[in-house]
């Protein structure tokens, strides 16, 4: 970064990238979705989206 009023150049450290999800976690999320798919069908597209979000938050997304 460079300040417009100063000839000095400073650098800032980039935050580390979050780790990629493990293949095992992705497989568990897909299995979870397939098991609960009959329950979500009664709600239509909203149920499918909600089920996908729950599965991703439980198994795939990185918790901080």
PDB file of N, CA and C in Angstrom:
ATOM      1  N   UNK A   1       0.840  -1.173   0.000  1.00  0.00           N
ATOM      2  CA  UNK A   1       0.000   0.000   0.000  1.00  0.00           C
ATOM      3  C   UNK A   1       0.887   1.239   0.000  1.00  0.00           C
ATOM      4  N   UNK A   2       0.376   2.277  -0.548  1.00  0.00           N
ATOM      5  CA  UNK A   2       1.145   3.510  -0.590  1.00  0.00           C
ATOM      6  C   UNK A   2       0.239   4.659  -0.176  1.00  0.00           C
ATOM      7  N   UNK A   3       0.701   5.400   0.762  1.00  0.00           N
ATOM      8  CA  UNK A   3      -0.045   6.569   1.221  1.00  0.00           C
ATOM      9  C   UNK A   3       0.208   7.700   0.234  1.00  0.00           C
ATOM     10  N   UNK A   4      -0.826   8.427  -0.092  1.00  0.00           N
ATOM     11  CA  UNK A   4      -0.666   9.477  -1.092  1.00  0.00           C
ATOM     12  C   UNK A   4       0.195  10.631  -0.575  1.00  0.00           C
ATOM     13  N   UNK A   5       0.286  10.806   0.731  1.00  0.00           N
ATOM     14  CA  UNK A   5       1.061  11.906   1.276  1.00  0.00           C
ATOM     15  C   UNK A   5       2.479  11.525   1.652  1.00  0.00           C
ATOM     16  N   UNK A   6       2.834  10.249   1.565  1.00  0.00           N
ATOM     17  CA  UNK A   6       4.140   9.794   2.014  1.00  0.00           C
ATOM     18  C   UNK A   6       4.836   9.016   0.905  1.00  0.00           C
ATOM     19  N   UNK A   7       6.124   9.218   0.726  1.00  0.00           N
ATOM     20  CA  UNK A   7       6.858   8.455  -0.285  1.00  0.00           C
ATOM     21  C   UNK A   7       7.190   7.042   0.197  1.00  0.00           C
ATOM     22  N   UNK A   8       6.855   6.698   1.431  1.00  0.00           N
ATOM     23  CA  UNK A   8       7.177   5.385   1.982  1.00  0.00           C
ATOM     24  C   UNK A   8       6.135   4.354   1.536  1.00  0.00           C
ATOM     25  N   UNK A   9       6.615   3.181   1.202  1.00  0.00           N
ATOM     26  CA  UNK A   9       5.736   2.081   0.817  1.00  0.00           C
ATOM     27  C   UNK A   9       5.703   1.092   1.971  1.00  0.00           C
ATOM     28  N   UNK A  10       4.505   0.708   2.372  1.00  0.00           N
ATOM     29  CA  UNK A  10       4.376  -0.292   3.434  1.00  0.00           C
ATOM     30  C   UNK A  10       3.546  -1.458   2.906  1.00  0.00           C
ATOM     31  N   UNK A  11       3.778  -2.604   3.483  1.00  0.00           N
ATOM     32  CA  UNK A  11       3.031  -3.786   3.059  1.00  0.00           C
ATOM     33  C   UNK A  11       2.241  -4.338   4.236  1.00  0.00           C
ATOM     34  N   UNK A  12       1.110  -4.886   3.931  1.00  0.00           N
ATOM     35  CA  UNK A  12       0.264  -5.511   4.948  1.00  0.00           C
ATOM     36  C   UNK A  12       0.188  -7.001   4.645  1.00  0.00           C
ATOM     37  N   UNK A  13       0.186  -7.795   5.683  1.00  0.00           N
ATOM     38  CA  UNK A  13       0.117  -9.243   5.503  1.00  0.00           C
ATOM     39  C   UNK A  13      -1.293  -9.634   5.079  1.00  0.00           C
ATOM     40  N   UNK A  14      -1.367 -10.533   4.116  1.00  0.00           N
ATOM     41  CA  UNK A  14      -2.651 -11.047   3.658  1.00  0.00           C
ATOM     42  C   UNK A  14      -3.131 -12.102   4.645  1.00  0.00           C
ATOM     43  N   UNK A  15      -4.426 -12.114   4.940  1.00  0.00           N
ATOM     44  CA  UNK A  15      -4.922 -13.168   5.835  1.00  0.00           C
ATOM     45  C   UNK A  15      -4.830 -14.525   5.148  1.00  0.00           C
ATOM     46  N   UNK A  16      -4.552 -15.586   5.900  1.00  0.00           N
ATOM     47  CA  UNK A  16      -4.444 -16.906   5.256  1.00  0.00           C
ATOM     48  C   UNK A  16      -5.787 -17.367   4.718  1.00  0.00           C
ATOM     49  N   UNK A  17      -5.739 -18.065   3.626  1.00  0.00           N
ATOM     50  CA  UNK A  17      -6.963 -18.585   3.002  1.00  0.00           C
ATOM     51  C   UNK A  17      -7.510 -19.728   3.858  1.00  0.00           C
ATOM     52  N   UNK A  18      -8.829 -19.832   3.960  1.00  0.00           N
ATOM     53  CA  UNK A  18      -9.395 -20.949   4.733  1.00  0.00           C
ATOM     54  C   UNK A  18      -9.086 -22.275   4.039  1.00  0.00           C
ATOM     55  N   UNK A  19      -8.919 -23.336   4.797  1.00  0.00           N
ATOM     56  CA  UNK A  19      -8.608 -24.621   4.175  1.00  0.00           C
ATOM     57  C   UNK A  19      -9.784 -25.136   3.345  1.00  0.00           C
ATOM     58  N   UNK A  20      -9.464 -25.870   2.310  1.00  0.00           N
ATOM     59  CA  UNK A  20     -10.494 -26.439   1.440  1.00  0.00           C
ATOM     60  C   UNK A  20     -11.213 -27.566   2.182  1.00  0.00           C
ATOM     61  N   UNK A  21     -12.497 -27.785   1.883  1.00  0.00           N
ATOM     62  CA  UNK A  21     -13.212 -28.883   2.545  1.00  0.00           C
ATOM     63  C   UNK A  21     -12.618 -30.231   2.137  1.00  0.00           C
ATOM     64  N   UNK A  22     -12.632 -31.150   3.072  1.00  0.00           N
ATOM     65  CA  UNK A  22     -12.129 -32.491   2.791  1.00  0.00           C
ATOM     66  C   UNK A  22     -13.153 -33.245   1.952  1.00  0.00           C
ATOM     67  N   UNK A  23     -12.698 -34.151   1.081  1.00  0.00           N
ATOM     68  CA  UNK A  23     -13.638 -34.945   0.285  1.00  0.00           C
ATOM     69  C   UNK A  23     -14.602 -35.746   1.163  1.00  0.00           C
ATOM     70  N   UNK A  24     -14.141 -36.208   2.305  1.00  0.00           N
ATOM     71  CA  UNK A  24     -14.998 -36.955   3.223  1.00  0.00           C
ATOM     72  C   UNK A  24     -16.158 -36.085   3.699  1.00  0.00           C
ATOM     73  N   UNK A  25     -15.891 -34.808   3.980  1.00  0.00           N
ATOM     74  CA  UNK A  25     -16.943 -33.906   4.434  1.00  0.00           C
ATOM     75  C   UNK A  25     -17.985 -33.668   3.345  1.00  0.00           C
ATOM     76  N   UNK A  26     -17.532 -33.526   2.117  1.00  0.00           N
ATOM     77  CA  UNK A  26     -18.453 -33.316   1.002  1.00  0.00           C
ATOM     78  C   UNK A  26     -19.328 -34.552   0.799  1.00  0.00           C
ATOM     79  N   UNK A  27     -18.737 -35.727   0.910  1.00  0.00           N
ATOM     80  CA  UNK A  27     -19.501 -36.966   0.763  1.00  0.00           C
ATOM     81  C   UNK A  27     -20.544 -37.096   1.870  1.00  0.00           C
ATOM     82  N   UNK A  28     -20.190 -36.747   3.100  1.00  0.00           N
ATOM     83  CA  UNK A  28     -21.148 -36.814   4.200  1.00  0.00           C
ATOM     84  C   UNK A  28     -22.308 -35.839   3.985  1.00  0.00           C
ATOM     85  N   UNK A  29     -22.014 -34.655   3.461  1.00  0.00           N
ATOM     86  CA  UNK A  29     -23.071 -33.677   3.191  1.00  0.00           C
ATOM     87  C   UNK A  29     -24.024 -34.194   2.114  1.00  0.00           C
ATOM     88  N   UNK A  30     -23.481 -34.809   1.072  1.00  0.00           N
ATOM     89  CA  UNK A  30     -24.332 -35.367   0.013  1.00  0.00           C
ATOM     90  C   UNK A  30     -25.198 -36.503   0.546  1.00  0.00           C
ATOM     91  N   UNK A  31     -24.634 -37.354   1.375  1.00  0.00           N
ATOM     92  CA  UNK A  31     -25.400 -38.444   1.963  1.00  0.00           C
ATOM     93  C   UNK A  31     -26.508 -37.906   2.863  1.00  0.00           C
ATOM     94  N   UNK A  32     -26.205 -36.889   3.649  1.00  0.00           N
ATOM     95  CA  UNK A  32     -27.188 -36.257   4.524  1.00  0.00           C
ATOM     96  C   UNK A  32     -28.348 -35.695   3.710  1.00  0.00           C
ATOM     97  N   UNK A  33     -28.027 -35.049   2.593  1.00  0.00           N
ATOM     98  CA  UNK A  33     -29.077 -34.495   1.724  1.00  0.00           C
ATOM     99  C   UNK A  33     -29.962 -35.577   1.150  1.00  0.00           C
ATOM    100  N   UNK A  34     -29.363 -36.675   0.709  1.00  0.00           N
ATOM    101  CA  UNK A  34     -30.147 -37.750   0.103  1.00  0.00           C
ATOM    102  C   UNK A  34     -31.044 -38.434   1.127  1.00  0.00           C
ATOM    103  N   UNK A  35     -30.567 -38.574   2.347  1.00  0.00           N
ATOM    104  CA  UNK A  35     -31.377 -39.218   3.382  1.00  0.00           C
ATOM    105  C   UNK A  35     -32.595 -38.357   3.718  1.00  0.00           C
ATOM    106  N   UNK A  36     -32.412 -37.050   3.804  1.00  0.00           N
ATOM    107  CA  UNK A  36     -33.504 -36.160   4.195  1.00  0.00           C
ATOM    108  C   UNK A  36     -34.300 -35.589   3.024  1.00  0.00           C
ATOM    109  N   UNK A  37     -33.987 -36.006   1.810  1.00  0.00           N
ATOM    110  CA  UNK A  37     -34.683 -35.485   0.636  1.00  0.00           C
ATOM    111  C   UNK A  37     -36.192 -35.722   0.680  1.00  0.00           C
ATOM    112  N   UNK A  38     -36.688 -36.893   1.125  1.00  0.00           N
ATOM    113  CA  UNK A  38     -38.152 -37.075   1.186  1.00  0.00           C
ATOM    114  C   UNK A  38     -38.839 -36.070   2.119  1.00  0.00           C
ATOM    115  N   UNK A  39     -38.190 -35.681   3.189  1.00  0.00           N
ATOM    116  CA  UNK A  39     -38.782 -34.695   4.086  1.00  0.00           C
ATOM    117  C   UNK A  39     -38.819 -33.303   3.446  1.00  0.00           C
ATOM    118  N   UNK A  40     -37.811 -32.986   2.661  1.00  0.00           N
ATOM    119  CA  UNK A  40     -37.729 -31.667   2.050  1.00  0.00           C
ATOM    120  C   UNK A  40     -38.643 -31.527   0.834  1.00  0.00           C
ATOM    121  N   UNK A  41     -39.050 -32.622   0.218  1.00  0.00           N
ATOM    122  CA  UNK A  41     -39.883 -32.542  -0.975  1.00  0.00           C
ATOM    123  C   UNK A  41     -41.239 -31.918  -0.685  1.00  0.00           C
ATOM    124  N   UNK A  42     -41.753 -32.100   0.512  1.00  0.00           N
ATOM    125  CA  UNK A  42     -43.042 -31.516   0.860  1.00  0.00           C
ATOM    126  C   UNK A  42     -43.014 -30.003   0.886  1.00  0.00           C
ATOM    127  N   UNK A  43     -41.843 -29.427   1.077  1.00  0.00           N
ATOM    128  CA  UNK A  43     -41.711 -27.968   1.111  1.00  0.00           C
ATOM    129  C   UNK A  43     -41.343 -27.365  -0.238  1.00  0.00           C
ATOM    130  N   UNK A  44     -41.080 -28.209  -1.218  1.00  0.00           N
ATOM    131  CA  UNK A  44     -40.751 -27.727  -2.553  1.00  0.00           C
ATOM    132  C   UNK A  44     -39.336 -27.179  -2.624  1.00  0.00           C
ATOM    133  N   UNK A  45     -39.109 -26.178  -3.478  1.00  0.00           N
ATOM    134  CA  UNK A  45     -37.769 -25.627  -3.654  1.00  0.00           C
ATOM    135  C   UNK A  45     -37.182 -25.025  -2.363  1.00  0.00           C
ATOM    136  N   UNK A  46     -38.046 -24.475  -1.527  1.00  0.00           N
ATOM    137  CA  UNK A  46     -37.558 -23.890  -0.268  1.00  0.00           C
ATOM    138  C   UNK A  46     -36.946 -24.977   0.610  1.00  0.00           C
ATOM    139  N   UNK A  47     -37.577 -26.134   0.653  1.00  0.00           N
ATOM    140  CA  UNK A  47     -37.056 -27.238   1.442  1.00  0.00           C
ATOM    141  C   UNK A  47     -35.719 -27.731   0.934  1.00  0.00           C
ATOM    142  N   UNK A  48     -35.576 -27.799  -0.387  1.00  0.00           N
ATOM    143  CA  UNK A  48     -34.299 -28.237  -0.965  1.00  0.00           C
ATOM    144  C   UNK A  48     -33.185 -27.251  -0.645  1.00  0.00           C
ATOM    145  N   UNK A  49     -33.477 -25.970  -0.756  1.00  0.00           N
ATOM    146  CA  UNK A  49     -32.469 -24.950  -0.458  1.00  0.00           C
ATOM    147  C   UNK A  49     -32.094 -24.984   1.016  1.00  0.00           C
ATOM    148  N   UNK A  50     -33.103 -25.097   1.890  1.00  0.00           N
ATOM    149  CA  UNK A  50     -32.840 -25.144   3.324  1.00  0.00           C
ATOM    150  C   UNK A  50     -32.029 -26.380   3.686  1.00  0.00           C
ATOM    151  N   UNK A  51     -32.376 -27.514   3.105  1.00  0.00           N
ATOM    152  CA  UNK A  51     -31.641 -28.743   3.376  1.00  0.00           C
ATOM    153  C   UNK A  51     -30.193 -28.620   2.914  1.00  0.00           C
ATOM    154  N   UNK A  52     -29.982 -28.026   1.760  1.00  0.00           N
ATOM    155  CA  UNK A  52     -28.616 -27.823   1.268  1.00  0.00           C
ATOM    156  C   UNK A  52     -27.807 -26.923   2.177  1.00  0.00           C
ATOM    157  N   UNK A  53     -28.411 -25.855   2.664  1.00  0.00           N
ATOM    158  CA  UNK A  53     -27.708 -24.936   3.565  1.00  0.00           C
ATOM    159  C   UNK A  53     -27.355 -25.611   4.884  1.00  0.00           C
ATOM    160  N   UNK A  54     -28.297 -26.393   5.418  1.00  0.00           N
ATOM    161  CA  UNK A  54     -28.035 -27.094   6.677  1.00  0.00           C
ATOM    162  C   UNK A  54     -26.919 -28.118   6.487  1.00  0.00           C
ATOM    163  N   UNK A  55     -26.972 -28.883   5.408  1.00  0.00           N
ATOM    164  CA  UNK A  55     -25.944 -29.888   5.151  1.00  0.00           C
ATOM    165  C   UNK A  55     -24.572 -29.245   4.988  1.00  0.00           C
ATOM    166  N   UNK A  56     -24.510 -28.146   4.251  1.00  0.00           N
ATOM    167  CA  UNK A  56     -23.235 -27.462   4.063  1.00  0.00           C
ATOM    168  C   UNK A  56     -22.702 -26.898   5.370  1.00  0.00           C
ATOM    169  N   UNK A  57     -23.584 -26.322   6.175  1.00  0.00           N
ATOM    170  CA  UNK A  57     -23.111 -25.724   7.423  1.00  0.00           C
ATOM    171  C   UNK A  57     -22.671 -26.794   8.417  1.00  0.00           C
ATOM    172  N   UNK A  58     -23.291 -27.968   8.382  1.00  0.00           N
ATOM    173  CA  UNK A  58     -22.900 -29.032   9.312  1.00  0.00           C
ATOM    174  C   UNK A  58     -21.620 -29.749   8.900  1.00  0.00           C
ATOM    175  N   UNK A  59     -21.442 -29.968   7.613  1.00  0.00           N
ATOM    176  CA  UNK A  59     -20.370 -30.840   7.171  1.00  0.00           C
ATOM    177  C   UNK A  59     -19.249 -30.170   6.374  1.00  0.00           C
ATOM    178  N   UNK A  60     -19.549 -29.153   5.583  1.00  0.00           N
ATOM    179  CA  UNK A  60     -18.557 -28.674   4.626  1.00  0.00           C
ATOM    180  C   UNK A  60     -17.907 -27.363   5.047  1.00  0.00           C
ATOM    181  N   UNK A  61     -18.688 -26.389   5.475  1.00  0.00           N
ATOM    182  CA  UNK A  61     -18.117 -25.079   5.771  1.00  0.00           C
ATOM    183  C   UNK A  61     -17.156 -25.124   6.937  1.00  0.00           C
ATOM    184  N   UNK A  62     -16.133 -24.300   6.835  1.00  0.00           N
ATOM    185  CA  UNK A  62     -15.109 -24.243   7.873  1.00  0.00           C
ATOM    186  C   UNK A  62     -15.625 -23.439   9.044  1.00  0.00           C
ATOM    187  N   UNK A  63     -15.528 -24.005  10.233  1.00  0.00           N
ATOM    188  CA  UNK A  63     -15.959 -23.297  11.442  1.00  0.00           C
ATOM    189  C   UNK A  63     -14.789 -22.531  12.000  1.00  0.00           C
ATOM    190  N   UNK A  64     -15.051 -21.307  12.427  1.00  0.00           N
ATOM    191  CA  UNK A  64     -13.981 -20.475  13.008  1.00  0.00           C
ATOM    192  C   UNK A  64     -14.188 -20.281  14.458  1.00  0.00           C
TER     193      UNK A  64
END
